[in-house]
Amino acid sequence: MHHYRIVALLMSKNKLYKFGQLATFPNVYQNHRMDDDFVTDYRGEAIDIKGKWDEHHFQNGNPITLELACGGGEYTLGLARMYPNRNFVGIDIKGARIWKGARVAVAESLDNVAFCRMRIDHITKFFTPGEVAEIWITFPDPFLKKERRRLTSPMFIPRYREVLQPGAKINLKTDDPTLYEYTLEIIESENLILEYHNDDIYANELPLPELGIQTFYEAMHLENKKTIKYVRFRLD
């Protein structure tokens, strides 16, 4: 029991260290309280960033892509390296996860990357209509017992519709067959536009270069002989 308490204490201290360092990264914005409609930057300043991501951070006029439930930000970073003329914002509620990607982005001077610690269902509080050009959802929790919380559920679709540009794409990459089939059903029932789907992207040549980016979880799933699935759709 004493050993487990030491491990727990070390883990807690490590998390506190990451949270402390996260607050110093110039590419991280945090919504600390759900009731607040502003984010805090690395200087501790409260910023009304809705509709002002380019003004406050990127300052280049390039289109913005979101990675939702980004975890350690592997996809956000991979896309940013692949497309330097586009901007990318990784979103997750877990600060200790975002810390990983934010640290790498700073080390590599990836100026087209930002991270925002916030709840995804509050996305309309921090992005204005038409501010987002594309969404990626990579290996999210499939919430097998809570359909409503799935990131392709009818609860989230109106929120995406509010912030996306007309014709913008939503991309889902997952190993979970339930989430894959569920997303295809939602696309049909909500009269959305299915552009492409594949229940085993590695069975043949990849249809998009972006699909070659692998997250920590994807590598683990592949090692466990799981197939990786992909869906691309539009809301209008």
Protein backbone atom coordinates (compact mmCIF):
# COMPACT_ATOMS: atom_id res chain seq x y z
CA MET A 1 0.00 0.00 0.00
CA HIS A 2 2.87 2.36 0.83
CA HIS A 3 4.35 1.80 -2.65
CA TYR A 4 1.06 2.73 -4.34
CA ARG A 5 0.80 5.93 -2.29
CA ILE A 6 4.30 6.96 -3.39
CA VAL A 7 3.43 6.28 -7.04
CA ALA A 8 0.18 8.27 -6.70
CA LEU A 9 2.05 11.17 -5.07
CA LEU A 10 4.66 11.23 -7.84
CA MET A 11 1.95 11.15 -10.50
CA SER A 12 0.13 14.01 -8.79
CA LYS A 13 3.32 16.09 -8.60
CA ASN A 14 4.03 15.37 -12.28
CA LYS A 15 0.56 16.53 -13.26
CA LEU A 16 0.93 19.71 -11.21
CA TYR A 17 4.27 20.37 -12.91
CA LYS A 18 2.67 19.99 -16.32
CA PHE A 19 -0.22 22.30 -15.41
CA GLY A 20 2.24 24.89 -14.16
CA GLN A 21 4.35 24.72 -17.30
CA LEU A 22 1.27 24.69 -19.53
CA ALA A 23 0.33 28.14 -18.25
CA THR A 24 3.65 29.50 -19.55
CA PHE A 25 3.32 28.28 -23.15
CA PRO A 26 2.54 31.10 -25.61
CA ASN A 27 0.56 28.70 -27.82
CA VAL A 28 -1.92 27.62 -25.12
CA TYR A 29 -5.24 29.20 -24.15
CA GLN A 30 -7.31 27.92 -21.25
CA ASN A 31 -10.93 28.20 -20.24
CA HIS A 32 -10.59 27.53 -16.53
CA ARG A 33 -14.24 27.79 -15.55
CA MET A 34 -17.16 26.54 -17.65
CA ASP A 35 -19.24 29.65 -16.92
CA ASP A 36 -16.56 31.97 -18.35
CA ASP A 37 -16.81 33.05 -21.98
CA PHE A 38 -13.13 33.97 -22.17
CA VAL A 39 -9.80 32.15 -22.21
CA THR A 40 -6.59 32.94 -20.36
CA ASP A 41 -3.27 33.23 -22.17
CA TYR A 42 0.29 32.64 -20.96
CA ARG A 43 0.47 36.15 -19.50
CA GLY A 44 -2.57 35.45 -17.36
CA GLU A 45 -4.70 37.85 -19.39
CA ALA A 46 -8.37 37.12 -20.02
CA ILE A 47 -9.12 37.20 -23.75
CA ASP A 48 -12.41 37.19 -25.61
CA ILE A 49 -10.97 35.09 -28.42
CA LYS A 50 -14.19 34.26 -30.27
CA GLY A 51 -13.75 35.42 -33.85
CA LYS A 52 -10.24 36.68 -33.04
CA TRP A 53 -8.00 33.63 -33.28
CA ASP A 54 -6.14 35.15 -36.20
CA GLU A 55 -5.90 38.56 -34.55
CA HIS A 56 -4.67 37.26 -31.19
CA HIS A 57 -2.52 34.34 -32.25
CA PHE A 58 -1.85 33.39 -35.87
CA GLN A 59 -1.85 36.82 -37.54
CA ASN A 60 -1.59 35.40 -41.06
CA GLY A 61 -5.15 35.11 -42.39
CA ASN A 62 -4.80 31.38 -43.11
CA PRO A 63 -7.73 28.95 -42.63
CA ILE A 64 -8.15 27.29 -39.23
CA THR A 65 -8.58 23.56 -38.67
CA LEU A 66 -9.64 22.12 -35.32
CA GLU A 67 -8.62 18.77 -33.86
CA LEU A 68 -11.23 17.86 -31.26
CA ALA A 69 -10.27 15.69 -28.28
CA CYS A 70 -6.70 16.14 -29.48
CA GLY A 71 -5.02 14.39 -26.54
CA GLY A 72 -1.27 14.80 -26.93
CA GLY A 73 -1.81 16.68 -30.17
CA GLU A 74 -0.07 14.25 -32.52
CA TYR A 75 -2.53 14.97 -35.31
CA THR A 76 -2.51 18.71 -34.73
CA LEU A 77 1.29 18.67 -34.99
CA GLY A 78 1.35 16.31 -37.97
CA LEU A 79 -1.13 18.40 -39.94
CA ALA A 80 0.73 21.60 -39.08
CA ARG A 81 4.00 20.16 -40.38
CA MET A 82 2.27 18.91 -43.53
CA TYR A 83 0.40 22.15 -44.25
CA PRO A 84 2.44 25.18 -43.11
CA ASN A 85 0.04 27.56 -44.87
CA ARG A 86 -2.87 26.49 -42.68
CA ASN A 87 -3.48 27.01 -38.97
CA PHE A 88 -4.39 24.31 -36.45
CA VAL A 89 -5.97 24.40 -33.00
CA GLY A 90 -5.96 21.28 -30.83
CA ILE A 91 -8.81 21.18 -28.32
CA ASP A 92 -9.02 19.00 -25.22
CA ILE A 93 -10.21 19.37 -21.63
CA LYS A 94 -7.17 17.53 -20.24
CA GLY A 95 -4.34 19.98 -19.66
CA ALA A 96 -1.76 17.28 -18.96
CA ARG A 97 -2.42 15.87 -22.44
CA ILE A 98 -2.26 19.21 -24.23
CA TRP A 99 1.06 19.87 -22.49
CA LYS A 100 2.74 17.23 -24.67
CA GLY A 101 1.73 18.76 -27.99
CA ALA A 102 2.20 22.36 -26.88
CA ARG A 103 5.74 21.62 -25.72
CA VAL A 104 6.65 20.01 -29.06
CA ALA A 105 5.12 22.89 -31.04
CA VAL A 106 7.21 25.40 -29.06
CA ALA A 107 10.37 23.32 -29.51
CA GLU A 108 9.81 23.04 -33.27
CA SER A 109 8.71 26.68 -33.67
CA LEU A 110 5.43 25.61 -35.24
CA ASP A 111 3.81 29.03 -35.40
CA ASN A 112 0.70 27.64 -37.10
CA VAL A 113 -0.26 25.61 -33.99
CA ALA A 114 -2.26 26.55 -30.92
CA PHE A 115 -3.99 24.56 -28.22
CA CYS A 116 -7.10 25.39 -26.24
CA ARG A 117 -8.10 23.71 -23.01
CA MET A 118 -11.88 23.73 -23.05
CA ARG A 119 -14.98 21.55 -23.24
CA ILE A 120 -15.88 20.63 -26.80
CA ASP A 121 -19.58 21.19 -26.20
CA HIS A 122 -18.70 24.85 -25.49
CA ILE A 123 -17.07 25.32 -28.89
CA THR A 124 -19.53 28.02 -29.96
CA LYS A 125 -18.37 30.23 -27.06
CA PHE A 126 -14.86 30.45 -28.49
CA PHE A 127 -15.27 30.29 -32.28
CA THR A 128 -17.49 32.56 -34.35
CA PRO A 129 -19.62 31.44 -37.33
CA GLY A 130 -17.41 30.63 -40.30
CA GLU A 131 -14.17 30.91 -38.33
CA VAL A 132 -13.36 27.20 -38.75
CA ALA A 133 -12.43 25.69 -42.12
CA GLU A 134 -12.24 21.99 -41.15
CA ILE A 135 -12.60 19.61 -38.21
CA TRP A 136 -10.65 16.45 -37.39
CA ILE A 137 -11.86 13.99 -34.75
CA THR A 138 -9.12 11.43 -34.12
CA PHE A 139 -9.63 8.37 -31.94
CA PRO A 140 -12.16 9.91 -29.55
CA ASP A 141 -13.78 8.03 -26.71
CA PRO A 142 -16.60 6.05 -28.43
CA PHE A 143 -18.80 6.29 -25.31
CA LEU A 144 -20.31 2.88 -25.96
CA LYS A 145 -22.95 3.37 -23.25
CA LYS A 146 -23.56 7.11 -23.80
CA GLU A 147 -24.43 7.81 -27.44
CA ARG A 148 -25.23 11.44 -26.70
CA ARG A 149 -21.60 12.13 -25.74
CA ARG A 150 -20.14 10.80 -28.97
CA LEU A 151 -18.50 13.61 -30.93
CA THR A 152 -20.54 12.80 -34.04
CA SER A 153 -23.87 12.71 -32.15
CA PRO A 154 -26.81 15.07 -32.88
CA MET A 155 -25.83 17.05 -29.77
CA PHE A 156 -22.58 18.17 -31.41
CA ILE A 157 -23.63 18.54 -35.06
CA PRO A 158 -25.45 21.90 -34.54
CA ARG A 159 -22.41 23.26 -32.71
CA TYR A 160 -20.16 22.30 -35.63
CA ARG A 161 -22.62 23.83 -38.04
CA GLU A 162 -22.44 27.12 -36.16
CA VAL A 163 -18.65 27.52 -36.36
CA LEU A 164 -17.80 25.87 -39.71
CA GLN A 165 -17.55 27.62 -43.05
CA PRO A 166 -20.04 26.51 -45.74
CA GLY A 167 -18.83 23.31 -47.39
CA ALA A 168 -16.30 22.56 -44.64
CA LYS A 169 -15.33 18.94 -44.04
CA ILE A 170 -15.49 16.90 -40.84
CA ASN A 171 -13.07 13.98 -40.59
CA LEU A 172 -13.40 11.04 -38.19
CA LYS A 173 -10.60 8.52 -37.70
CA THR A 174 -11.29 5.66 -35.29
CA ASP A 175 -10.60 2.03 -34.51
CA ASP A 176 -14.04 1.54 -32.98
CA PRO A 177 -16.61 -0.21 -35.25
CA THR A 178 -19.54 1.00 -33.16
CA LEU A 179 -18.57 4.66 -33.50
CA TYR A 180 -17.84 4.17 -37.20
CA GLU A 181 -21.24 2.62 -37.96
CA TYR A 182 -23.00 5.09 -35.67
CA THR A 183 -21.45 8.04 -37.52
CA LEU A 184 -22.61 6.67 -40.87
CA GLU A 185 -26.13 6.29 -39.45
CA ILE A 186 -26.10 9.87 -38.13
CA ILE A 187 -24.94 11.20 -41.49
CA GLU A 188 -27.93 9.51 -43.11
CA SER A 189 -30.52 10.38 -40.47
CA GLU A 190 -29.41 14.03 -40.27
CA ASN A 191 -29.31 14.38 -44.08
CA LEU A 192 -25.61 15.22 -44.08
CA ILE A 193 -23.33 14.71 -47.07
CA LEU A 194 -21.11 11.64 -46.95
CA GLU A 195 -17.99 12.22 -49.04
CA TYR A 196 -15.99 9.12 -48.24
CA HIS A 197 -15.76 6.23 -45.81
CA ASN A 198 -13.44 3.27 -45.41
CA ASP A 199 -13.53 0.56 -42.73
CA ASP A 200 -9.85 -0.36 -43.22
CA ILE A 201 -7.72 2.49 -44.52
CA TYR A 202 -4.51 0.47 -44.57
CA ALA A 203 -5.94 -2.34 -46.71
CA ASN A 204 -4.96 -0.35 -49.81
CA GLU A 205 -3.14 2.87 -50.67
CA LEU A 206 -4.18 5.71 -48.38
CA PRO A 207 -6.76 7.99 -50.02
CA LEU A 208 -5.34 11.09 -48.28
CA PRO A 209 -1.78 11.85 -47.13
CA GLU A 210 -3.20 13.18 -43.82
CA LEU A 211 -4.32 9.66 -42.92
CA GLY A 212 -0.70 8.58 -42.67
CA ILE A 213 -0.29 10.59 -39.46
CA GLN A 214 -0.45 8.22 -36.52
CA THR A 215 -1.36 9.02 -32.93
CA PHE A 216 -0.12 7.14 -29.90
CA TYR A 217 -3.43 5.29 -29.70
CA GLU A 218 -3.46 4.44 -33.40
CA ALA A 219 -0.04 2.82 -33.16
CA MET A 220 -1.29 0.83 -30.18
CA HIS A 221 -4.45 -0.24 -32.02
CA LEU A 222 -2.47 -1.35 -35.06
CA GLU A 223 -0.14 -3.36 -32.85
CA ASN A 224 -3.25 -5.06 -31.44
CA LYS A 225 -4.34 -5.93 -35.01
CA LYS A 226 -7.29 -3.53 -35.06
CA THR A 227 -8.42 -1.97 -38.34
CA ILE A 228 -8.47 1.81 -38.65
CA LYS A 229 -11.62 3.41 -40.05
CA TYR A 230 -12.23 6.80 -41.61
CA VAL A 231 -15.28 8.92 -42.45
CA ARG A 232 -15.34 12.29 -44.21
CA PHE A 233 -18.58 14.25 -44.43
CA ARG A 234 -20.05 17.74 -44.80
CA LEU A 235 -23.00 19.40 -43.08
CA ASP A 236 -24.40 21.23 -46.13
